[in-house]
Amino acid sequence: MIAFFDASALIDLIEGKAPFGGRVRAELAAIERAHAGVGAAVSRLSWLQCRVRPMKANDAAVLALFDAFFTRPDLVWVELSREVVELAAAIRVRHGLRTPDALQAASCLQLGSRHVLLTGDTAFQRVQGLNVAVLA
């Protein structure tokens, strides 16, 4: 099983603000209990989205926390390849997701069926084949 982090879930996890950080940690713990050895995956889009706020705020401490997560050797990266972009366009047309969300959904689907998308956005639930855990 691979936990794919939408930027919203990753921001909540890393920044740890209550109650959202606790919800992400609880969901990860539940996934780990059900599926030992859960991996973590992100897209390059999540990397971009997570870095914007701390960069704007010149918050080196938070930026360092994200950098530590994104440089984990066991982290799986889903690149924004031609296939991902083409699938994202189809998802956008079929399900009406915004472009960034369609890219995240398409990225997650590249991981195969043994994935869970961690997010705070219920719109992802419209995408067929996407295993979504909404952390609301």
Protein backbone atom coordinates (compact mmCIF):
# COMPACT_ATOMS: atom_id res chain seq x y z
CA MET A 1 0.00 0.00 0.00
CA ILE A 2 1.22 3.47 -0.87
CA ALA A 3 -0.06 6.64 0.79
CA PHE A 4 -0.10 9.43 -1.79
CA PHE A 5 -0.09 12.88 -0.23
CA ASP A 6 -2.11 15.69 -1.73
CA ALA A 7 -0.46 18.97 -0.76
CA SER A 8 -3.23 19.79 1.73
CA ALA A 9 -2.64 16.57 3.69
CA LEU A 10 1.11 16.99 3.59
CA ILE A 11 0.90 20.58 4.80
CA ASP A 12 -1.33 19.45 7.66
CA LEU A 13 1.06 16.63 8.53
CA ILE A 14 4.27 18.66 8.42
CA GLU A 15 2.97 21.87 9.95
CA GLY A 16 0.95 19.84 12.47
CA LYS A 17 -1.69 22.46 13.20
CA ALA A 18 -4.60 21.16 15.28
CA PRO A 19 -6.86 19.46 14.55
CA PHE A 20 -5.71 18.65 11.01
CA GLY A 21 -2.21 17.37 11.78
CA GLY A 22 -3.67 14.87 14.23
CA ARG A 23 -6.19 13.68 11.65
CA VAL A 24 -3.46 12.95 9.12
CA ARG A 25 -1.38 11.08 11.71
CA ALA A 26 -4.44 9.08 12.84
CA GLU A 27 -5.30 8.12 9.25
CA LEU A 28 -1.70 7.07 8.57
CA ALA A 29 -1.71 4.95 11.74
CA ALA A 30 -4.96 3.26 10.65
CA ILE A 31 -3.54 2.56 7.18
CA GLU A 32 -0.36 1.14 8.73
CA ARG A 33 -2.41 -1.16 11.00
CA ALA A 34 -4.33 -2.46 7.97
CA HIS A 35 -1.32 -2.65 5.63
CA ALA A 36 2.11 -3.16 7.17
CA GLY A 37 4.96 -1.38 5.45
CA VAL A 38 3.01 1.49 3.91
CA GLY A 39 5.07 3.60 1.54
CA ALA A 40 4.75 7.33 0.87
CA ALA A 41 4.42 9.03 -2.51
CA VAL A 42 4.11 12.59 -3.80
CA SER A 43 4.01 14.42 -7.09
CA ARG A 44 6.27 17.29 -8.07
CA LEU A 45 3.15 19.44 -7.83
CA SER A 46 2.88 18.72 -4.09
CA TRP A 47 6.50 19.73 -3.70
CA LEU A 48 5.77 23.06 -5.36
CA GLN A 49 2.53 23.70 -3.44
CA CYS A 50 4.04 22.88 -0.06
CA ARG A 51 6.97 25.24 -0.51
CA VAL A 52 5.05 28.37 -1.60
CA ARG A 53 3.68 29.56 1.76
CA PRO A 54 6.88 29.14 3.76
CA MET A 55 8.87 30.76 0.97
CA LYS A 56 6.50 33.75 0.85
CA ALA A 57 6.68 34.06 4.63
CA ASN A 58 10.45 33.58 4.63
CA ASP A 59 9.88 30.77 7.14
CA ALA A 60 13.12 28.80 6.96
CA ALA A 61 12.11 26.47 9.79
CA VAL A 62 8.95 25.23 8.06
CA LEU A 63 10.73 25.06 4.73
CA ALA A 64 13.38 22.86 6.36
CA LEU A 65 10.66 20.52 7.65
CA PHE A 66 9.28 20.11 4.14
CA ASP A 67 12.76 19.65 2.71
CA ALA A 68 13.43 16.88 5.24
CA PHE A 69 10.25 15.08 4.15
CA PHE A 70 10.90 15.54 0.44
CA THR A 71 14.46 14.21 0.67
CA ARG A 72 13.49 10.96 2.39
CA PRO A 73 15.22 8.13 0.50
CA ASP A 74 12.09 5.95 0.64
CA LEU A 75 9.77 8.58 -0.83
CA VAL A 76 8.24 7.66 -4.19
CA TRP A 77 8.08 10.54 -6.67
CA VAL A 78 5.46 10.62 -9.43
CA GLU A 79 6.73 12.85 -12.19
CA LEU A 80 4.41 15.00 -14.29
CA SER A 81 5.00 12.93 -17.40
CA ARG A 82 3.06 13.09 -20.65
CA GLU A 83 0.90 10.16 -19.47
CA VAL A 84 0.07 11.92 -16.20
CA VAL A 85 -0.85 15.15 -18.01
CA GLU A 86 -3.02 13.31 -20.55
CA LEU A 87 -4.84 11.42 -17.80
CA ALA A 88 -5.25 14.67 -15.84
CA ALA A 89 -6.90 16.29 -18.86
CA ALA A 90 -9.35 13.38 -19.12
CA ILE A 91 -10.08 13.57 -15.37
CA ARG A 92 -10.65 17.31 -15.65
CA VAL A 93 -13.12 16.81 -18.50
CA ARG A 94 -14.97 13.83 -16.94
CA HIS A 95 -15.08 14.94 -13.31
CA GLY A 96 -14.67 18.72 -13.37
CA LEU A 97 -11.68 18.84 -11.05
CA ARG A 98 -9.46 21.92 -11.11
CA THR A 99 -6.20 21.45 -13.00
CA PRO A 100 -3.97 20.99 -9.90
CA ASP A 101 -6.40 18.43 -8.43
CA ALA A 102 -6.67 16.59 -11.76
CA LEU A 103 -2.86 16.41 -11.88
CA GLN A 104 -2.76 15.04 -8.33
CA ALA A 105 -5.45 12.44 -9.09
CA ALA A 106 -3.66 11.34 -12.27
CA SER A 107 -0.35 11.16 -10.41
CA CYS A 108 -1.86 8.98 -7.71
CA LEU A 109 -3.46 6.65 -10.25
CA GLN A 110 0.01 5.96 -11.69
CA LEU A 111 0.74 4.02 -8.48
CA GLY A 112 -1.70 1.24 -9.37
CA SER A 113 -4.62 -0.01 -7.32
CA ARG A 114 -2.79 -0.34 -3.98
CA HIS A 115 -2.87 3.34 -3.12
CA VAL A 116 -4.73 5.75 -0.90
CA LEU A 117 -4.90 9.46 -1.65
CA LEU A 118 -4.73 11.49 1.55
CA THR A 119 -6.47 14.83 1.08
CA GLY A 120 -8.74 17.40 2.64
CA ASP A 121 -10.72 17.81 -0.61
CA THR A 122 -13.90 15.78 -1.19
CA ALA A 123 -13.81 16.52 -4.95
CA PHE A 124 -11.33 13.65 -5.40
CA GLN A 125 -14.07 11.16 -4.48
CA ARG A 126 -15.63 11.73 -7.93
CA VAL A 127 -12.68 10.07 -9.70
CA GLN A 128 -13.32 6.43 -10.50
CA GLY A 129 -10.55 4.09 -9.35
CA LEU A 130 -9.09 6.59 -6.90
CA ASN A 131 -8.97 5.33 -3.30
CA VAL A 132 -9.53 8.51 -1.30
CA ALA A 133 -9.20 9.21 2.41
CA VAL A 134 -10.72 12.63 3.12
CA LEU A 135 -9.17 14.11 6.24
CA ALA A 136 -11.92 16.55 7.19
